[in-house]
Amino acid sequence: VGDAIEANPWIAVLQAALVDRGLAEHPTVGRPGM
């Protein structure tokens, strides 16, 4: 499974940009997702 997003800059950079624009939610442990 994916480790914490902080350990995965390959997706963390894009995810943060999408969250800032309201286009994604910050990843949450315990909810289905990467």
ModelCIF file with pLDDT and N, C-alpha, C, O atoms, coordinates in Angstrom:
data_MODEL
#
_entry.id   MODEL 
#
_entity.id                         1 
_entity.type                       polymer 
_entity.pdbx_number_of_molecules   1 
#
_entity_poly.entity_id                      1 
_entity_poly.type                           'polypeptide(L)' 
_entity_poly.nstd_linkage                   no 
_entity_poly.nstd_monomer                   no 
_entity_poly.pdbx_seq_one_letter_code       VGDAIEANPWIAVLQAALVDRGLAEHPTVGRPGM 
_entity_poly.pdbx_seq_one_letter_code_can   VGDAIEANPWIAVLQAALVDRGLAEHPTVGRPGM 
_entity_poly.pdbx_strand_id                 A 
#
loop_
_entity_poly_seq.entity_id 
_entity_poly_seq.num 
_entity_poly_seq.mon_id 
_entity_poly_seq.hetero 
1 1  VAL n 
1 2  GLY n 
1 3  ASP n 
1 4  ALA n 
1 5  ILE n 
1 6  GLU n 
1 7  ALA n 
1 8  ASN n 
1 9  PRO n 
1 10 TRP n 
1 11 ILE n 
1 12 ALA n 
1 13 VAL n 
1 14 LEU n 
1 15 GLN n 
1 16 ALA n 
1 17 ALA n 
1 18 LEU n 
1 19 VAL n 
1 20 ASP n 
1 21 ARG n 
1 22 GLY n 
1 23 LEU n 
1 24 ALA n 
1 25 GLU n 
1 26 HIS n 
1 27 PRO n 
1 28 THR n 
1 29 VAL n 
1 30 GLY n 
1 31 ARG n 
1 32 PRO n 
1 33 GLY n 
1 34 MET n 
#
_struct_asym.id          A 
_struct_asym.entity_id   1 
#
loop_
_ma_qa_metric.id 
_ma_qa_metric.mode 
_ma_qa_metric.name 
_ma_qa_metric.software_group_id 
_ma_qa_metric.type 
1 global pLDDT . pLDDT 
2 local  pLDDT . pLDDT 
#
_ma_qa_metric_global.metric_id      1 
_ma_qa_metric_global.metric_value   95.00 
_ma_qa_metric_global.model_id       1 
_ma_qa_metric_global.ordinal_id     1 
#
loop_
_ma_qa_metric_local.label_asym_id 
_ma_qa_metric_local.label_comp_id 
_ma_qa_metric_local.label_seq_id 
_ma_qa_metric_local.metric_id 
_ma_qa_metric_local.metric_value 
_ma_qa_metric_local.model_id 
_ma_qa_metric_local.ordinal_id 
A VAL 1  2 98.00 1 1  
A GLY 2  2 98.00 1 2  
A ASP 3  2 98.00 1 3  
A ALA 4  2 97.00 1 4  
A ILE 5  2 96.00 1 5  
A GLU 6  2 95.00 1 6  
A ALA 7  2 97.00 1 7  
A ASN 8  2 98.00 1 8  
A PRO 9  2 97.00 1 9  
A TRP 10 2 97.00 1 10 
A ILE 11 2 97.00 1 11 
A ALA 12 2 97.00 1 12 
A VAL 13 2 97.00 1 13 
A LEU 14 2 97.00 1 14 
A GLN 15 2 96.00 1 15 
A ALA 16 2 96.00 1 16 
A ALA 17 2 97.00 1 17 
A LEU 18 2 97.00 1 18 
A VAL 19 2 96.00 1 19 
A ASP 20 2 96.00 1 20 
A ARG 21 2 96.00 1 21 
A GLY 22 2 95.00 1 22 
A LEU 23 2 95.00 1 23 
A ALA 24 2 92.00 1 24 
A GLU 25 2 90.00 1 25 
A HIS 26 2 89.00 1 26 
A PRO 27 2 89.00 1 27 
A THR 28 2 91.00 1 28 
A VAL 29 2 95.00 1 29 
A GLY 30 2 92.00 1 30 
A ARG 31 2 92.00 1 31 
A PRO 32 2 93.00 1 32 
A GLY 33 2 92.00 1 33 
A MET 34 2 92.00 1 34 
#
loop_
_atom_site.group_PDB 
_atom_site.id 
_atom_site.type_symbol 
_atom_site.label_atom_id 
_atom_site.label_alt_id 
_atom_site.label_comp_id 
_atom_site.label_asym_id 
_atom_site.label_entity_id 
_atom_site.label_seq_id 
_atom_site.pdbx_PDB_ins_code 
_atom_site.Cartn_x 
_atom_site.Cartn_y 
_atom_site.Cartn_z 
_atom_site.occupancy 
_atom_site.B_iso_or_equiv 
_atom_site.pdbx_formal_charge 
_atom_site.auth_seq_id 
_atom_site.auth_comp_id 
_atom_site.auth_asym_id 
_atom_site.auth_atom_id 
_atom_site.pdbx_PDB_model_num 
ATOM 1   N N  . VAL A 1 1  ? 0.870   -1.178 0.000  1.00 98.00 ? 1  VAL A N  1 
ATOM 2   C CA . VAL A 1 1  ? 0.000   0.000  0.000  1.00 98.00 ? 1  VAL A CA 1 
ATOM 3   C C  . VAL A 1 1  ? 0.906   1.228  0.000  1.00 98.00 ? 1  VAL A C  1 
ATOM 4   O O  . VAL A 1 1  ? 2.098   1.124  0.291  1.00 98.00 ? 1  VAL A O  1 
ATOM 5   N N  . GLY A 1 2  ? 0.351   2.368  -0.321 1.00 98.00 ? 2  GLY A N  1 
ATOM 6   C CA . GLY A 1 2  ? 1.134   3.582  -0.267 1.00 98.00 ? 2  GLY A CA 1 
ATOM 7   C C  . GLY A 1 2  ? 1.482   3.961  1.154  1.00 98.00 ? 2  GLY A C  1 
ATOM 8   O O  . GLY A 1 2  ? 0.626   3.906  2.036  1.00 98.00 ? 2  GLY A O  1 
ATOM 9   N N  . ASP A 1 3  ? 2.735   4.346  1.394  1.00 98.00 ? 3  ASP A N  1 
ATOM 10  C CA . ASP A 1 3  ? 3.119   4.884  2.691  1.00 98.00 ? 3  ASP A CA 1 
ATOM 11  C C  . ASP A 1 3  ? 2.633   6.335  2.766  1.00 98.00 ? 3  ASP A C  1 
ATOM 12  O O  . ASP A 1 3  ? 2.009   6.827  1.826  1.00 98.00 ? 3  ASP A O  1 
ATOM 13  N N  . ALA A 1 4  ? 2.910   7.008  3.861  1.00 97.00 ? 4  ALA A N  1 
ATOM 14  C CA . ALA A 1 4  ? 2.428   8.372  4.074  1.00 97.00 ? 4  ALA A CA 1 
ATOM 15  C C  . ALA A 1 4  ? 2.778   9.266  2.887  1.00 97.00 ? 4  ALA A C  1 
ATOM 16  O O  . ALA A 1 4  ? 3.830   9.112  2.266  1.00 97.00 ? 4  ALA A O  1 
ATOM 17  N N  . ILE A 1 5  ? 1.883   10.198 2.584  1.00 96.00 ? 5  ILE A N  1 
ATOM 18  C CA . ILE A 1 5  ? 2.075   11.045 1.410  1.00 96.00 ? 5  ILE A CA 1 
ATOM 19  C C  . ILE A 1 5  ? 3.379   11.827 1.488  1.00 96.00 ? 5  ILE A C  1 
ATOM 20  O O  . ILE A 1 5  ? 3.971   12.131 0.453  1.00 96.00 ? 5  ILE A O  1 
ATOM 21  N N  . GLU A 1 6  ? 3.841   12.160 2.691  1.00 95.00 ? 6  GLU A N  1 
ATOM 22  C CA . GLU A 1 6  ? 5.096   12.895 2.841  1.00 95.00 ? 6  GLU A CA 1 
ATOM 23  C C  . GLU A 1 6  ? 6.284   12.095 2.318  1.00 95.00 ? 6  GLU A C  1 
ATOM 24  O O  . GLU A 1 6  ? 7.309   12.672 1.955  1.00 95.00 ? 6  GLU A O  1 
ATOM 25  N N  . ALA A 1 7  ? 6.153   10.771 2.276  1.00 97.00 ? 7  ALA A N  1 
ATOM 26  C CA . ALA A 1 7  ? 7.224   9.910  1.772  1.00 97.00 ? 7  ALA A CA 1 
ATOM 27  C C  . ALA A 1 7  ? 7.092   9.653  0.278  1.00 97.00 ? 7  ALA A C  1 
ATOM 28  O O  . ALA A 1 7  ? 7.855   8.870  -0.288 1.00 97.00 ? 7  ALA A O  1 
ATOM 29  N N  . ASN A 1 8  ? 6.130   10.306 -0.363 1.00 98.00 ? 8  ASN A N  1 
ATOM 30  C CA . ASN A 1 8  ? 5.846   10.060 -1.776 1.00 98.00 ? 8  ASN A CA 1 
ATOM 31  C C  . ASN A 1 8  ? 5.734   11.368 -2.558 1.00 98.00 ? 8  ASN A C  1 
ATOM 32  O O  . ASN A 1 8  ? 4.655   11.725 -3.031 1.00 98.00 ? 8  ASN A O  1 
ATOM 33  N N  . PRO A 1 9  ? 6.865   12.086 -2.691 1.00 97.00 ? 9  PRO A N  1 
ATOM 34  C CA . PRO A 1 9  ? 6.802   13.359 -3.420 1.00 97.00 ? 9  PRO A CA 1 
ATOM 35  C C  . PRO A 1 9  ? 6.345   13.214 -4.858 1.00 97.00 ? 9  PRO A C  1 
ATOM 36  O O  . PRO A 1 9  ? 5.905   14.197 -5.456 1.00 97.00 ? 9  PRO A O  1 
ATOM 37  N N  . TRP A 1 10 ? 6.432   12.024 -5.436 1.00 97.00 ? 10 TRP A N  1 
ATOM 38  C CA . TRP A 1 10 ? 5.993   11.830 -6.820 1.00 97.00 ? 10 TRP A CA 1 
ATOM 39  C C  . TRP A 1 10 ? 4.527   12.229 -6.998 1.00 97.00 ? 10 TRP A C  1 
ATOM 40  O O  . TRP A 1 10 ? 4.139   12.693 -8.070 1.00 97.00 ? 10 TRP A O  1 
ATOM 41  N N  . ILE A 1 11 ? 3.707   12.051 -5.950 1.00 97.00 ? 11 ILE A N  1 
ATOM 42  C CA . ILE A 1 11 ? 2.298   12.419 -6.031 1.00 97.00 ? 11 ILE A CA 1 
ATOM 43  C C  . ILE A 1 11 ? 1.955   13.551 -5.078 1.00 97.00 ? 11 ILE A C  1 
ATOM 44  O O  . ILE A 1 11 ? 0.970   14.257 -5.294 1.00 97.00 ? 11 ILE A O  1 
ATOM 45  N N  . ALA A 1 12 ? 2.750   13.740 -4.021 1.00 97.00 ? 12 ALA A N  1 
ATOM 46  C CA . ALA A 1 12 ? 2.431   14.763 -3.017 1.00 97.00 ? 12 ALA A CA 1 
ATOM 47  C C  . ALA A 1 12 ? 2.394   16.157 -3.622 1.00 97.00 ? 12 ALA A C  1 
ATOM 48  O O  . ALA A 1 12 ? 1.551   16.973 -3.249 1.00 97.00 ? 12 ALA A O  1 
ATOM 49  N N  . VAL A 1 13 ? 3.300   16.438 -4.553 1.00 97.00 ? 13 VAL A N  1 
ATOM 50  C CA . VAL A 1 13 ? 3.364   17.772 -5.170 1.00 97.00 ? 13 VAL A CA 1 
ATOM 51  C C  . VAL A 1 13 ? 2.073   18.068 -5.922 1.00 97.00 ? 13 VAL A C  1 
ATOM 52  O O  . VAL A 1 13 ? 1.476   19.129 -5.743 1.00 97.00 ? 13 VAL A O  1 
ATOM 53  N N  . LEU A 1 14 ? 1.646   17.140 -6.755 1.00 97.00 ? 14 LEU A N  1 
ATOM 54  C CA . LEU A 1 14 ? 0.411   17.334 -7.521 1.00 97.00 ? 14 LEU A CA 1 
ATOM 55  C C  . LEU A 1 14 ? -0.805  17.351 -6.607 1.00 97.00 ? 14 LEU A C  1 
ATOM 56  O O  . LEU A 1 14 ? -1.708  18.168 -6.787 1.00 97.00 ? 14 LEU A O  1 
ATOM 57  N N  . GLN A 1 15 ? -0.829  16.458 -5.631 1.00 96.00 ? 15 GLN A N  1 
ATOM 58  C CA . GLN A 1 15 ? -1.976  16.390 -4.717 1.00 96.00 ? 15 GLN A CA 1 
ATOM 59  C C  . GLN A 1 15 ? -2.162  17.709 -3.971 1.00 96.00 ? 15 GLN A C  1 
ATOM 60  O O  . GLN A 1 15 ? -3.283  18.198 -3.841 1.00 96.00 ? 15 GLN A O  1 
ATOM 61  N N  . ALA A 1 16 ? -1.062  18.283 -3.482 1.00 96.00 ? 16 ALA A N  1 
ATOM 62  C CA . ALA A 1 16 ? -1.155  19.541 -2.750 1.00 96.00 ? 16 ALA A CA 1 
ATOM 63  C C  . ALA A 1 16 ? -1.699  20.657 -3.630 1.00 96.00 ? 16 ALA A C  1 
ATOM 64  O O  . ALA A 1 16 ? -2.498  21.476 -3.177 1.00 96.00 ? 16 ALA A O  1 
ATOM 65  N N  . ALA A 1 17 ? -1.267  20.690 -4.891 1.00 97.00 ? 17 ALA A N  1 
ATOM 66  C CA . ALA A 1 17 ? -1.747  21.720 -5.811 1.00 97.00 ? 17 ALA A CA 1 
ATOM 67  C C  . ALA A 1 17 ? -3.239  21.551 -6.087 1.00 97.00 ? 17 ALA A C  1 
ATOM 68  O O  . ALA A 1 17 ? -3.963  22.541 -6.189 1.00 97.00 ? 17 ALA A O  1 
ATOM 69  N N  . LEU A 1 18 ? -3.702  20.321 -6.207 1.00 97.00 ? 18 LEU A N  1 
ATOM 70  C CA . LEU A 1 18 ? -5.122  20.074 -6.437 1.00 97.00 ? 18 LEU A CA 1 
ATOM 71  C C  . LEU A 1 18 ? -5.950  20.411 -5.197 1.00 97.00 ? 18 LEU A C  1 
ATOM 72  O O  . LEU A 1 18 ? -7.039  20.974 -5.311 1.00 97.00 ? 18 LEU A O  1 
ATOM 73  N N  . VAL A 1 19 ? -5.440  20.070 -4.023 1.00 96.00 ? 19 VAL A N  1 
ATOM 74  C CA . VAL A 1 19 ? -6.147  20.395 -2.774 1.00 96.00 ? 19 VAL A CA 1 
ATOM 75  C C  . VAL A 1 19 ? -6.285  21.913 -2.633 1.00 96.00 ? 19 VAL A C  1 
ATOM 76  O O  . VAL A 1 19 ? -7.350  22.410 -2.267 1.00 96.00 ? 19 VAL A O  1 
ATOM 77  N N  . ASP A 1 20 ? -5.218  22.639 -2.920 1.00 96.00 ? 20 ASP A N  1 
ATOM 78  C CA . ASP A 1 20 ? -5.245  24.103 -2.812 1.00 96.00 ? 20 ASP A CA 1 
ATOM 79  C C  . ASP A 1 20 ? -6.319  24.720 -3.702 1.00 96.00 ? 20 ASP A C  1 
ATOM 80  O O  . ASP A 1 20 ? -6.834  25.795 -3.395 1.00 96.00 ? 20 ASP A O  1 
ATOM 81  N N  . ARG A 1 21 ? -6.656  24.057 -4.788 1.00 96.00 ? 21 ARG A N  1 
ATOM 82  C CA . ARG A 1 21 ? -7.642  24.576 -5.734 1.00 96.00 ? 21 ARG A CA 1 
ATOM 83  C C  . ARG A 1 21 ? -9.016  23.956 -5.553 1.00 96.00 ? 21 ARG A C  1 
ATOM 84  O O  . ARG A 1 21 ? -9.906  24.155 -6.379 1.00 96.00 ? 21 ARG A O  1 
ATOM 85  N N  . GLY A 1 22 ? -9.189  23.208 -4.479 1.00 95.00 ? 22 GLY A N  1 
ATOM 86  C CA . GLY A 1 22 ? -10.478 22.605 -4.197 1.00 95.00 ? 22 GLY A CA 1 
ATOM 87  C C  . GLY A 1 22 ? -10.849 21.477 -5.131 1.00 95.00 ? 22 GLY A C  1 
ATOM 88  O O  . GLY A 1 22 ? -12.026 21.144 -5.267 1.00 95.00 ? 22 GLY A O  1 
ATOM 89  N N  . LEU A 1 23 ? -9.851  20.880 -5.783 1.00 95.00 ? 23 LEU A N  1 
ATOM 90  C CA . LEU A 1 23 ? -10.107 19.827 -6.760 1.00 95.00 ? 23 LEU A CA 1 
ATOM 91  C C  . LEU A 1 23 ? -9.816  18.434 -6.216 1.00 95.00 ? 23 LEU A C  1 
ATOM 92  O O  . LEU A 1 23 ? -9.991  17.440 -6.921 1.00 95.00 ? 23 LEU A O  1 
ATOM 93  N N  . ALA A 1 24 ? -9.382  18.363 -4.992 1.00 92.00 ? 24 ALA A N  1 
ATOM 94  C CA . ALA A 1 24 ? -9.101  17.077 -4.346 1.00 92.00 ? 24 ALA A CA 1 
ATOM 95  C C  . ALA A 1 24 ? -9.143  17.288 -2.842 1.00 92.00 ? 24 ALA A C  1 
ATOM 96  O O  . ALA A 1 24 ? -9.030  18.411 -2.352 1.00 92.00 ? 24 ALA A O  1 
ATOM 97  N N  . GLU A 1 25 ? -9.306  16.195 -2.126 1.00 90.00 ? 25 GLU A N  1 
ATOM 98  C CA . GLU A 1 25 ? -9.251  16.236 -0.668 1.00 90.00 ? 25 GLU A CA 1 
ATOM 99  C C  . GLU A 1 25 ? -7.887  15.743 -0.210 1.00 90.00 ? 25 GLU A C  1 
ATOM 100 O O  . GLU A 1 25 ? -7.263  14.900 -0.854 1.00 90.00 ? 25 GLU A O  1 
ATOM 101 N N  . HIS A 1 26 ? -7.437  16.289 0.920  1.00 89.00 ? 26 HIS A N  1 
ATOM 102 C CA . HIS A 1 26 ? -6.174  15.797 1.465  1.00 89.00 ? 26 HIS A CA 1 
ATOM 103 C C  . HIS A 1 26 ? -6.340  14.325 1.833  1.00 89.00 ? 26 HIS A C  1 
ATOM 104 O O  . HIS A 1 26 ? -7.340  13.958 2.450  1.00 89.00 ? 26 HIS A O  1 
ATOM 105 N N  . PRO A 1 27 ? -5.380  13.475 1.468  1.00 89.00 ? 27 PRO A N  1 
ATOM 106 C CA . PRO A 1 27 ? -5.505  12.051 1.768  1.00 89.00 ? 27 PRO A CA 1 
ATOM 107 C C  . PRO A 1 27 ? -5.699  11.797 3.258  1.00 89.00 ? 27 PRO A C  1 
ATOM 108 O O  . PRO A 1 27 ? -5.060  12.426 4.102  1.00 89.00 ? 27 PRO A O  1 
ATOM 109 N N  . THR A 1 28 ? -6.582  10.874 3.555  1.00 91.00 ? 28 THR A N  1 
ATOM 110 C CA . THR A 1 28 ? -6.905  10.547 4.942  1.00 91.00 ? 28 THR A CA 1 
ATOM 111 C C  . THR A 1 28 ? -6.737  9.053  5.160  1.00 91.00 ? 28 THR A C  1 
ATOM 112 O O  . THR A 1 28 ? -7.329  8.246  4.443  1.00 91.00 ? 28 THR A O  1 
ATOM 113 N N  . VAL A 1 29 ? -5.934  8.687  6.144  1.00 95.00 ? 29 VAL A N  1 
ATOM 114 C CA . VAL A 1 29 ? -5.806  7.273  6.501  1.00 95.00 ? 29 VAL A CA 1 
ATOM 115 C C  . VAL A 1 29 ? -7.154  6.776  7.002  1.00 95.00 ? 29 VAL A C  1 
ATOM 116 O O  . VAL A 1 29 ? -7.812  7.429  7.811  1.00 95.00 ? 29 VAL A O  1 
ATOM 117 N N  . GLY A 1 30 ? -7.550  5.613  6.509  1.00 92.00 ? 30 GLY A N  1 
ATOM 118 C CA . GLY A 1 30 ? -8.826  5.033  6.904  1.00 92.00 ? 30 GLY A CA 1 
ATOM 119 C C  . GLY A 1 30 ? -9.930  5.234  5.889  1.00 92.00 ? 30 GLY A C  1 
ATOM 120 O O  . GLY A 1 30 ? -11.008 4.655  6.025  1.00 92.00 ? 30 GLY A O  1 
ATOM 121 N N  . ARG A 1 31 ? -9.676  6.057  4.858  1.00 92.00 ? 31 ARG A N  1 
ATOM 122 C CA . ARG A 1 31 ? -10.636 6.235  3.774  1.00 92.00 ? 31 ARG A CA 1 
ATOM 123 C C  . ARG A 1 31 ? -10.059 5.649  2.498  1.00 92.00 ? 31 ARG A C  1 
ATOM 124 O O  . ARG A 1 31 ? -8.851  5.742  2.278  1.00 92.00 ? 31 ARG A O  1 
ATOM 125 N N  . PRO A 1 32 ? -10.891 5.043  1.642  1.00 93.00 ? 32 PRO A N  1 
ATOM 126 C CA . PRO A 1 32 ? -10.354 4.440  0.419  1.00 93.00 ? 32 PRO A CA 1 
ATOM 127 C C  . PRO A 1 32 ? -9.584  5.458  -0.413 1.00 93.00 ? 32 PRO A C  1 
ATOM 128 O O  . PRO A 1 32 ? -10.058 6.570  -0.643 1.00 93.00 ? 32 PRO A O  1 
ATOM 129 N N  . GLY A 1 33 ? -8.406  5.073  -0.856 1.00 92.00 ? 33 GLY A N  1 
ATOM 130 C CA . GLY A 1 33 ? -7.590  5.963  -1.654 1.00 92.00 ? 33 GLY A CA 1 
ATOM 131 C C  . GLY A 1 33 ? -6.139  5.537  -1.611 1.00 92.00 ? 33 GLY A C  1 
ATOM 132 O O  . GLY A 1 33 ? -5.781  4.559  -0.955 1.00 92.00 ? 33 GLY A O  1 
ATOM 133 N N  . MET A 1 34 ? -5.312  6.283  -2.318 1.00 92.00 ? 34 MET A N  1 
ATOM 134 C CA . MET A 1 34 ? -3.914  5.920  -2.459 1.00 92.00 ? 34 MET A CA 1 
ATOM 135 C C  . MET A 1 34 ? -3.198  5.780  -1.112 1.00 92.00 ? 34 MET A C  1 
ATOM 136 O O  . MET A 1 34 ? -2.005  5.476  -1.076 1.00 92.00 ? 34 MET A O  1 
#
